[in-house]
Protein backbone atom coordinates (compact mmCIF):
# COMPACT_ATOMS: atom_id res chain seq x y z
CA MET A 1 -51.09 48.67 -97.27
CA THR A 2 -52.23 45.06 -96.95
CA HIS A 3 -49.42 42.53 -96.82
CA PHE A 4 -49.71 38.91 -97.89
CA GLN A 5 -50.13 36.46 -95.02
CA LEU A 6 -49.75 32.72 -95.56
CA SER A 7 -51.80 32.14 -92.42
CA ASP A 8 -54.81 33.70 -94.17
CA CYS A 9 -54.63 31.12 -96.95
CA LEU A 10 -54.62 27.90 -94.91
CA ALA A 11 -57.59 26.36 -93.16
CA PRO A 12 -57.33 26.44 -89.34
CA THR A 13 -55.99 23.16 -87.98
CA HIS A 14 -55.74 21.58 -84.57
CA MET A 15 -52.36 20.79 -83.06
CA GLU A 16 -51.05 17.80 -84.98
CA PHE A 17 -47.88 15.77 -84.64
CA GLY A 18 -46.23 13.31 -86.98
CA LEU A 19 -43.86 13.39 -89.92
CA GLN A 20 -45.91 11.65 -92.63
CA ARG A 21 -47.39 14.80 -94.16
CA MET A 22 -44.10 16.67 -93.90
CA GLN A 23 -42.33 13.83 -95.66
CA LEU A 24 -44.97 14.02 -98.40
CA LEU A 25 -44.39 17.75 -98.78
CA MET A 26 -40.64 17.30 -98.99
CA ALA A 27 -40.97 14.64 -101.68
CA ALA A 28 -43.28 16.86 -103.72
CA MET A 29 -40.87 19.79 -103.37
CA ASP A 30 -37.81 17.79 -104.52
CA SER A 31 -36.48 17.09 -101.01
CA PRO A 32 -34.83 20.45 -100.27
CA HIS A 33 -34.12 19.40 -96.67
CA ARG A 34 -31.52 16.90 -97.86
CA GLY A 35 -29.29 19.63 -99.21
CA LEU A 36 -29.04 21.65 -96.02
CA LYS A 37 -26.10 21.85 -93.62
CA ALA A 38 -28.50 22.17 -90.72
CA ILE A 39 -28.06 23.07 -87.07
CA HIS A 40 -31.22 21.63 -85.50
CA ILE A 41 -32.17 23.36 -82.22
CA ALA A 42 -34.65 22.09 -79.63
CA GLY A 43 -35.30 23.14 -76.03
CA THR A 44 -37.92 24.57 -73.70
CA ASN A 45 -36.33 28.03 -73.60
CA GLY A 46 -33.30 29.57 -75.26
CA LYS A 47 -33.75 28.18 -78.78
CA GLY A 48 -34.13 31.59 -80.37
CA SER A 49 -31.31 33.12 -78.36
CA VAL A 50 -28.90 30.34 -79.34
CA ALA A 51 -29.97 30.74 -82.97
CA ALA A 52 -29.41 34.51 -82.70
CA TYR A 53 -25.87 34.07 -81.33
CA LEU A 54 -25.04 31.49 -84.00
CA THR A 55 -26.47 33.62 -86.81
CA SER A 56 -24.51 36.70 -85.74
CA ILE A 57 -21.22 34.85 -85.22
CA LEU A 58 -21.43 32.91 -88.48
CA LEU A 59 -22.24 36.10 -90.40
CA ALA A 60 -19.26 37.83 -88.77
CA ALA A 61 -17.10 34.95 -90.01
CA GLY A 62 -18.33 35.45 -93.56
CA TYR A 63 -20.68 32.47 -93.81
CA SER A 64 -24.14 32.64 -95.38
CA VAL A 65 -26.88 31.66 -92.95
CA GLY A 66 -30.56 30.80 -93.11
CA THR A 67 -32.54 30.91 -89.86
CA THR A 68 -36.06 29.62 -89.29
CA THR A 69 -37.55 30.40 -85.88
CA SER A 70 -41.03 30.72 -84.38
CA PRO A 71 -43.15 32.45 -83.42
CA HIS A 72 -42.60 35.72 -85.24
CA LEU A 73 -42.88 39.15 -83.67
CA VAL A 74 -44.14 41.51 -86.38
CA THR A 75 -44.19 39.71 -89.72
CA GLU A 76 -44.34 36.02 -90.52
CA ARG A 77 -41.48 36.58 -92.96
CA GLU A 78 -39.20 36.65 -89.90
CA ARG A 79 -39.65 32.87 -89.80
CA ILE A 80 -37.59 32.57 -92.98
CA ALA A 81 -34.53 34.77 -92.56
CA LEU A 82 -31.45 34.96 -94.78
CA ASN A 83 -28.30 36.45 -93.29
CA GLY A 84 -30.28 37.93 -90.43
CA GLU A 85 -32.99 39.59 -92.55
CA PRO A 86 -36.56 38.37 -93.13
CA ILE A 87 -37.25 36.96 -96.58
CA ALA A 88 -38.24 39.71 -99.02
CA GLU A 89 -41.99 40.07 -99.40
CA VAL A 90 -41.94 39.61 -103.17
CA THR A 91 -39.87 36.42 -102.81
CA PHE A 92 -42.12 35.11 -100.05
CA LYS A 93 -45.25 35.77 -102.10
CA SER A 94 -43.75 34.03 -105.12
CA LEU A 95 -42.85 30.94 -103.08
CA CYS A 96 -46.31 30.82 -101.54
CA ASP A 97 -48.01 31.19 -104.94
CA GLN A 98 -46.00 28.23 -106.19
CA TRP A 99 -46.59 25.87 -103.28
CA LEU A 100 -49.88 26.96 -101.70
CA PRO A 101 -51.94 24.53 -103.85
CA LEU A 102 -49.82 21.66 -102.50
CA PHE A 103 -50.30 22.83 -98.91
CA GLN A 104 -54.05 23.15 -99.37
CA GLN A 105 -54.33 19.79 -101.12
CA THR A 106 -52.45 17.96 -98.38
CA GLY A 107 -54.07 19.81 -95.48
CA ALA A 108 -50.67 21.05 -94.26
CA THR A 109 -50.61 22.98 -91.01
CA TYR A 110 -49.32 26.53 -90.96
CA PHE A 111 -46.12 25.43 -89.21
CA GLU A 112 -45.55 22.61 -91.71
CA ALA A 113 -46.04 25.00 -94.63
CA MET A 114 -43.68 27.62 -93.22
CA THR A 115 -41.06 24.98 -92.44
CA ALA A 116 -41.33 23.54 -95.95
CA LEU A 117 -40.96 27.00 -97.50
CA ALA A 118 -37.94 27.73 -95.32
CA PHE A 119 -36.24 24.51 -96.39
CA LYS A 120 -36.99 25.23 -100.05
CA HIS A 121 -35.74 28.79 -99.86
CA PHE A 122 -32.58 27.85 -97.96
CA HIS A 123 -31.80 25.12 -100.47
CA GLN A 124 -32.28 27.47 -103.42
CA ALA A 125 -30.01 30.05 -101.77
CA ASN A 126 -27.21 27.46 -101.44
CA LEU A 127 -26.34 28.58 -97.92
CA ASN A 128 -23.36 27.56 -95.82
CA PHE A 129 -25.56 26.85 -92.78
CA SER A 130 -29.26 26.56 -92.00
CA LEU A 131 -30.37 27.08 -88.40
CA VAL A 132 -33.63 25.26 -87.75
CA GLU A 133 -35.57 25.84 -84.53
CA VAL A 134 -37.94 23.10 -83.41
CA GLY A 135 -41.55 24.24 -83.05
CA LEU A 136 -42.67 22.01 -80.20
CA GLY A 137 -41.03 18.95 -78.69
CA GLY A 138 -38.72 17.36 -81.20
CA ARG A 139 -39.39 13.73 -82.08
CA LEU A 140 -42.68 14.40 -83.90
CA ASP A 141 -42.06 18.04 -84.80
CA ALA A 142 -42.27 18.95 -88.49
CA THR A 143 -38.63 20.07 -88.48
CA ASN A 144 -37.54 16.54 -87.57
CA VAL A 145 -37.92 15.56 -91.20
CA LEU A 146 -34.26 16.58 -91.32
CA GLU A 147 -32.41 13.32 -91.88
CA ALA A 148 -28.76 14.33 -91.59
CA PRO A 149 -28.19 17.61 -89.77
CA ALA A 150 -24.63 18.72 -89.13
CA ILE A 151 -25.36 18.95 -85.40
CA THR A 152 -28.32 18.91 -83.01
CA VAL A 153 -28.87 21.04 -79.92
CA ILE A 154 -31.04 20.96 -76.78
CA THR A 155 -30.82 24.32 -75.04
CA SER A 156 -32.82 23.64 -71.86
CA ILE A 157 -35.50 21.38 -70.39
CA GLY A 158 -38.48 22.69 -68.45
CA LEU A 159 -42.11 21.89 -67.77
CA ASP A 160 -43.94 23.46 -70.70
CA HIS A 161 -46.49 22.04 -73.15
CA THR A 162 -46.97 19.15 -70.72
CA GLU A 163 -50.27 18.23 -72.35
CA PHE A 164 -48.31 17.21 -75.45
CA LEU A 165 -44.85 16.24 -74.20
CA GLY A 166 -45.43 14.66 -70.79
CA ASN A 167 -45.49 16.00 -67.25
CA THR A 168 -41.97 15.08 -66.12
CA LEU A 169 -38.61 16.51 -67.11
CA ALA A 170 -37.50 13.05 -68.21
CA ALA A 171 -40.49 12.62 -70.53
CA ILE A 172 -40.01 16.06 -72.06
CA ALA A 173 -36.28 15.50 -72.48
CA THR A 174 -36.95 12.19 -74.22
CA GLU A 175 -39.25 13.90 -76.73
CA LYS A 176 -36.73 16.65 -77.43
CA ALA A 177 -33.87 14.16 -77.75
CA GLY A 178 -35.88 12.61 -80.57
CA ILE A 179 -34.13 15.02 -82.97
CA GLY A 180 -30.92 13.05 -82.40
CA LYS A 181 -29.50 11.15 -85.38
CA ALA A 182 -27.00 8.30 -85.44
CA GLY A 183 -23.44 9.61 -85.49
CA VAL A 184 -24.50 13.29 -85.31
CA PRO A 185 -23.18 15.15 -82.24
CA MET A 186 -25.76 16.65 -79.87
CA VAL A 187 -24.89 19.67 -77.70
CA VAL A 188 -26.96 20.22 -74.55
CA GLY A 189 -27.08 23.41 -72.51
CA PRO A 190 -25.39 23.79 -69.09
CA SER A 191 -28.72 23.89 -67.23
CA VAL A 192 -29.76 20.42 -68.45
CA GLN A 193 -29.10 18.21 -65.43
CA GLY A 194 -30.45 15.27 -63.44
CA GLU A 195 -33.28 13.17 -64.86
CA ALA A 196 -33.45 15.30 -68.01
CA LEU A 197 -29.79 14.71 -68.85
CA ASP A 198 -30.12 11.02 -68.01
CA ALA A 199 -33.09 10.74 -70.40
CA ILE A 200 -31.16 12.40 -73.21
CA ARG A 201 -28.20 10.09 -72.67
CA ALA A 202 -30.53 7.09 -72.74
CA VAL A 203 -31.84 8.13 -76.16
CA ALA A 204 -28.27 8.81 -77.31
CA PHE A 205 -27.24 5.29 -76.31
CA GLN A 206 -30.18 3.76 -78.20
CA VAL A 207 -29.74 5.81 -81.37
CA GLY A 208 -25.96 6.10 -81.32
CA PHE A 209 -24.87 9.71 -81.09
CA PRO A 210 -22.43 11.55 -78.79
CA VAL A 211 -23.70 14.06 -76.23
CA ILE A 212 -21.54 17.08 -75.46
CA GLN A 213 -22.61 19.29 -72.56
CA ALA A 214 -21.81 22.98 -72.76
CA LYS A 215 -20.04 24.52 -69.78
CA ARG A 216 -20.86 28.00 -68.51
CA SER A 217 -17.16 28.83 -68.51
CA MET A 218 -17.27 28.84 -72.33
CA ALA A 219 -19.03 32.21 -72.15
CA GLU A 220 -16.43 33.89 -69.92
CA GLY A 221 -14.37 36.71 -71.33
CA TYR A 222 -16.91 37.90 -73.88
CA GLN A 223 -19.08 41.00 -73.81
CA ASN A 224 -22.62 39.62 -73.91
CA PRO A 225 -25.19 42.06 -75.31
CA LEU A 226 -28.22 40.00 -74.22
CA LEU A 227 -29.39 40.61 -70.66
CA GLY A 228 -29.91 37.94 -68.02
CA GLU A 229 -27.83 35.21 -66.42
CA HIS A 230 -29.66 32.65 -68.56
CA GLN A 231 -28.07 34.21 -71.65
CA ARG A 232 -24.69 33.15 -70.33
CA ASP A 233 -25.92 29.56 -70.67
CA ASN A 234 -27.29 30.24 -74.15
CA LEU A 235 -24.03 31.83 -75.27
CA ALA A 236 -22.04 28.91 -73.85
CA THR A 237 -24.31 26.53 -75.77
CA ALA A 238 -23.81 28.43 -79.02
CA LEU A 239 -20.03 28.54 -78.55
CA THR A 240 -19.95 24.82 -77.86
CA VAL A 241 -21.90 24.16 -81.07
CA LEU A 242 -19.33 26.17 -83.02
CA LYS A 243 -16.45 24.38 -81.30
CA VAL A 244 -17.85 20.96 -82.25
CA LEU A 245 -18.46 22.08 -85.85
CA ALA A 246 -14.88 23.37 -86.03
CA GLU A 247 -13.60 20.03 -84.71
CA GLN A 248 -15.51 18.40 -87.58
CA SER A 249 -13.76 20.80 -90.00
CA LEU A 250 -17.14 22.28 -90.99
CA LEU A 251 -16.03 25.84 -90.22
CA THR A 252 -13.12 27.94 -89.04
CA LEU A 253 -13.36 30.75 -86.50
CA ASP A 254 -10.90 32.92 -84.60
CA LYS A 255 -11.46 34.54 -81.21
CA SER A 256 -11.68 38.05 -82.65
CA THR A 257 -14.48 37.01 -85.02
CA LEU A 258 -16.27 35.26 -82.18
CA ALA A 259 -16.12 38.39 -80.05
CA THR A 260 -17.38 40.58 -82.89
CA GLY A 261 -20.25 38.23 -83.69
CA ILE A 262 -21.30 38.01 -80.05
CA THR A 263 -21.25 41.80 -79.63
CA LEU A 264 -23.48 42.23 -82.69
CA THR A 265 -26.09 39.70 -81.54
CA ARG A 266 -29.64 40.99 -81.30
CA TRP A 267 -32.73 39.08 -80.16
CA PRO A 268 -35.77 41.38 -80.06
CA ALA A 269 -38.34 41.28 -77.24
CA ARG A 270 -36.17 39.18 -74.95
CA LEU A 271 -35.20 41.54 -72.13
CA GLU A 272 -34.84 44.20 -74.82
CA VAL A 273 -34.13 47.59 -73.30
CA PHE A 274 -35.51 50.82 -74.75
CA GLU A 275 -33.25 53.18 -72.86
CA ALA A 276 -34.85 56.45 -73.94
CA GLN A 277 -38.20 55.32 -72.56
CA ARG A 278 -36.90 53.27 -69.61
CA ILE A 279 -38.98 50.30 -70.78
CA ILE A 280 -37.97 46.65 -71.04
CA LEU A 281 -39.79 44.42 -73.54
CA ASP A 282 -39.78 40.69 -72.80
CA GLY A 283 -41.89 37.90 -74.24
CA SER A 284 -41.45 35.43 -71.36
CA HIS A 285 -44.59 33.38 -70.85
CA ASN A 286 -43.69 30.02 -69.29
CA ALA A 287 -42.39 29.16 -65.83
CA ASP A 288 -38.69 28.84 -66.70
CA GLY A 289 -38.69 31.95 -68.85
CA LEU A 290 -40.40 33.98 -66.13
CA GLU A 291 -37.96 32.67 -63.53
CA SER A 292 -35.08 33.91 -65.69
CA LEU A 293 -36.89 37.23 -66.00
CA THR A 294 -37.17 37.48 -62.22
CA LYS A 295 -33.43 36.95 -61.77
CA ALA A 296 -32.56 39.45 -64.49
CA LEU A 297 -34.79 42.16 -63.02
CA CYS A 298 -33.52 41.88 -59.47
CA ALA A 299 -30.86 44.54 -60.12
CA HIS A 300 -32.87 46.66 -62.57
CA PRO A 301 -35.02 49.74 -61.83
CA ALA A 302 -38.00 48.22 -63.66
CA LYS A 303 -38.55 45.89 -60.73
CA THR A 304 -40.00 48.81 -58.75
CA GLY A 305 -41.80 50.38 -61.69
CA VAL A 306 -44.91 49.67 -63.71
CA TRP A 307 -45.63 46.44 -65.55
CA LEU A 308 -47.86 45.82 -68.55
CA ILE A 309 -48.89 42.15 -68.74
CA SER A 310 -51.00 39.82 -70.86
CA LEU A 311 -51.09 36.03 -70.92
CA LYS A 312 -52.48 33.44 -73.30
CA VAL A 313 -54.97 30.91 -71.91
CA THR A 314 -52.57 28.11 -72.85
CA LYS A 315 -50.17 29.40 -70.17
CA ALA A 316 -50.62 29.00 -66.42
CA MET A 317 -51.23 32.20 -64.47
CA GLU A 318 -49.26 31.23 -61.36
CA PRO A 319 -45.72 31.69 -62.78
CA LEU A 320 -46.58 35.22 -63.92
CA ALA A 321 -48.20 36.00 -60.58
CA ASN A 322 -45.10 34.64 -58.80
CA VAL A 323 -42.71 36.88 -60.75
CA ILE A 324 -44.85 39.91 -59.96
CA MET A 325 -44.86 39.03 -56.27
CA ALA A 326 -41.08 38.56 -56.35
CA CYS A 327 -40.36 41.89 -58.05
CA GLN A 328 -43.20 43.93 -56.52
CA PRO A 329 -43.88 46.60 -59.16
CA HIS A 330 -46.01 49.35 -57.67
CA GLN A 331 -48.52 49.15 -60.51
CA VAL A 332 -49.66 46.42 -62.92
CA ILE A 333 -51.54 47.22 -66.11
CA ILE A 334 -53.40 44.21 -67.52
CA THR A 335 -54.39 43.87 -71.17
CA VAL A 336 -55.02 41.19 -73.78
CA GLY A 337 -53.44 40.53 -77.17
CA PRO A 338 -54.84 42.23 -80.26
CA ASN A 339 -57.69 40.34 -81.94
CA ALA A 340 -57.50 37.93 -79.01
CA HIS A 341 -60.74 36.00 -79.71
CA GLY A 342 -60.65 34.33 -76.32
CA GLU A 343 -56.99 33.35 -76.66
CA TYR A 344 -55.94 35.36 -73.60
CA HIS A 345 -56.79 35.16 -69.93
CA SER A 346 -59.26 37.95 -69.24
CA PRO A 347 -57.84 40.96 -67.36
CA GLU A 348 -60.37 40.32 -64.60
CA THR A 349 -59.10 36.76 -64.16
CA LEU A 350 -55.49 37.93 -63.91
CA ASP A 351 -56.57 40.65 -61.48
CA LYS A 352 -58.15 38.04 -59.20
CA ALA A 353 -55.07 35.80 -59.44
CA LEU A 354 -52.78 38.64 -58.36
CA ARG A 355 -55.01 39.65 -55.46
CA TYR A 356 -55.25 36.02 -54.38
CA LYS A 357 -51.45 35.87 -54.31
CA GLY A 358 -51.43 38.92 -52.06
CA TYR A 359 -50.39 41.67 -54.45
CA LYS A 360 -51.15 45.02 -52.79
CA GLY A 361 -50.16 47.42 -55.57
CA SER A 362 -52.36 49.27 -58.03
CA ILE A 363 -53.99 47.26 -60.82
CA VAL A 364 -55.32 48.97 -63.96
CA ILE A 365 -57.24 47.16 -66.70
CA ASP A 366 -57.32 48.22 -70.36
CA SER A 367 -58.19 45.56 -72.93
CA ASN A 368 -56.70 47.60 -75.77
CA PRO A 369 -52.94 46.89 -75.78
CA LEU A 370 -52.10 50.13 -77.58
CA GLN A 371 -53.96 52.19 -74.99
CA ALA A 372 -52.41 50.07 -72.24
CA LEU A 373 -48.94 50.95 -73.56
CA THR A 374 -49.82 54.63 -73.40
CA LEU A 375 -50.89 54.15 -69.77
CA LEU A 376 -47.53 52.53 -69.05
CA GLN A 377 -45.58 55.32 -70.74
CA ASN A 378 -47.52 57.98 -68.85
CA ALA A 379 -47.13 56.14 -65.53
CA ILE A 380 -43.32 56.23 -65.66
CA LYS A 381 -42.90 59.81 -66.84
CA PRO A 382 -40.92 62.08 -64.51
CA PRO A 383 -41.32 62.91 -61.70
CA LEU A 384 -42.92 59.50 -61.06
CA GLY A 385 -39.66 57.70 -61.84
CA GLY A 386 -38.98 54.01 -62.12
CA GLY A 387 -38.96 51.91 -65.24
CA GLY A 388 -41.53 49.92 -67.15
CA LEU A 389 -41.80 46.32 -68.27
CA VAL A 390 -43.96 44.65 -70.93
CA THR A 391 -44.16 40.87 -70.48
CA GLY A 392 -46.28 37.71 -70.55
CA SER A 393 -46.91 37.35 -74.28
CA LEU A 394 -44.55 37.32 -77.25
CA HIS A 395 -47.49 38.15 -79.53
CA THR A 396 -48.37 41.29 -77.59
CA ALA A 397 -44.67 42.20 -77.45
CA GLY A 398 -44.52 41.94 -81.24
CA VAL A 399 -47.48 44.28 -81.66
CA LEU A 400 -46.09 46.90 -79.27
CA ARG A 401 -42.43 46.74 -80.32
CA PRO A 402 -42.79 48.88 -83.50
CA LEU A 403 -44.40 51.61 -81.39
CA LEU A 404 -41.53 51.49 -78.90
CA LEU A 405 -38.98 51.57 -81.72
CA ALA A 406 -40.65 54.58 -83.32
CA LYS A 407 -40.78 56.48 -80.04
CA ASN A 408 -37.20 55.47 -79.17
CA THR A 409 -35.87 57.10 -82.35
CA THR A 410 -37.67 60.35 -81.63
CA ALA A 411 -37.13 60.49 -77.84
């Protein structure tokens, strides 16, 4: 069955920044963004995790929640979620049919169109809260058309997308702090320190908004279902956001509801464990994300197992090579994303990078990701032992996840 894809209906566009076209779209769509009680989330890593915690906790407390995140794993409808579920296909198709002529007429990018549809759908649903994840940067991101969010968030600052945001932590932090609005509190994650924090405070002083830094201790005493020390920071950030909103009398929460919401949090393909198959699925692809992956795997059997990797050409190879050298899996299987069209580093290039770093284990190349997954599954069958890891590309993780889910239910 062929499913409707908005991406198939819009002309390919280069990376563009600026709010003029988004403002035009909002005006033509009756300004749905102005009716949202929005939680606007920026950051190098952790945006989706913080949104996942917030969604789960707010739902546990009985609030209605819209969540727009990117990229998606399996279906683009994940980018417009209501109460934790992707927008229904019939509803999505109806919205697209109504507004596609406007998007085509204005030359809207795919991200602008999806953001505009999310805002429209959230407004029509009359939600209690709308969680809005920044696409890239902050100041010039399409989501920054939001004029009066309830709160803004910066989860972390790292060196990613330097060609667009600047090549220092201070420059990147300044761009992300551009989502700040006068009088609107901004929560920053515990890991944001030094020049990055100074840059955010400088923007806050100029614009006129308070900065509240989350403390790791906020996450203590809760059972955290998401793996990795970095998720402690993300949970602390989410809890601080809720605390500030409660202080503004925008919500009420008790500790029992918080605990329930945290326990129910799910964030697919981020250190997601498929126990029956002894495989971890993780979409880490930038330096900070891969560093967090390294720390999380140090005490896990997968570190001595078999890895399946792929990496987009927009991402540097060295961080991925470094994490492999740190964890020393005995075999690496290299593939590319489906329908890659030159978007991925070739397996041969990654092979050379690993050998240059000094990796001595076995390297297997299979450019078909589905066949590569089968190689991984066969390589960790008893009596070989050990676990498996799929990492390096969120896109590839999204393609392979349904296969892992299907096998997990029948294992």
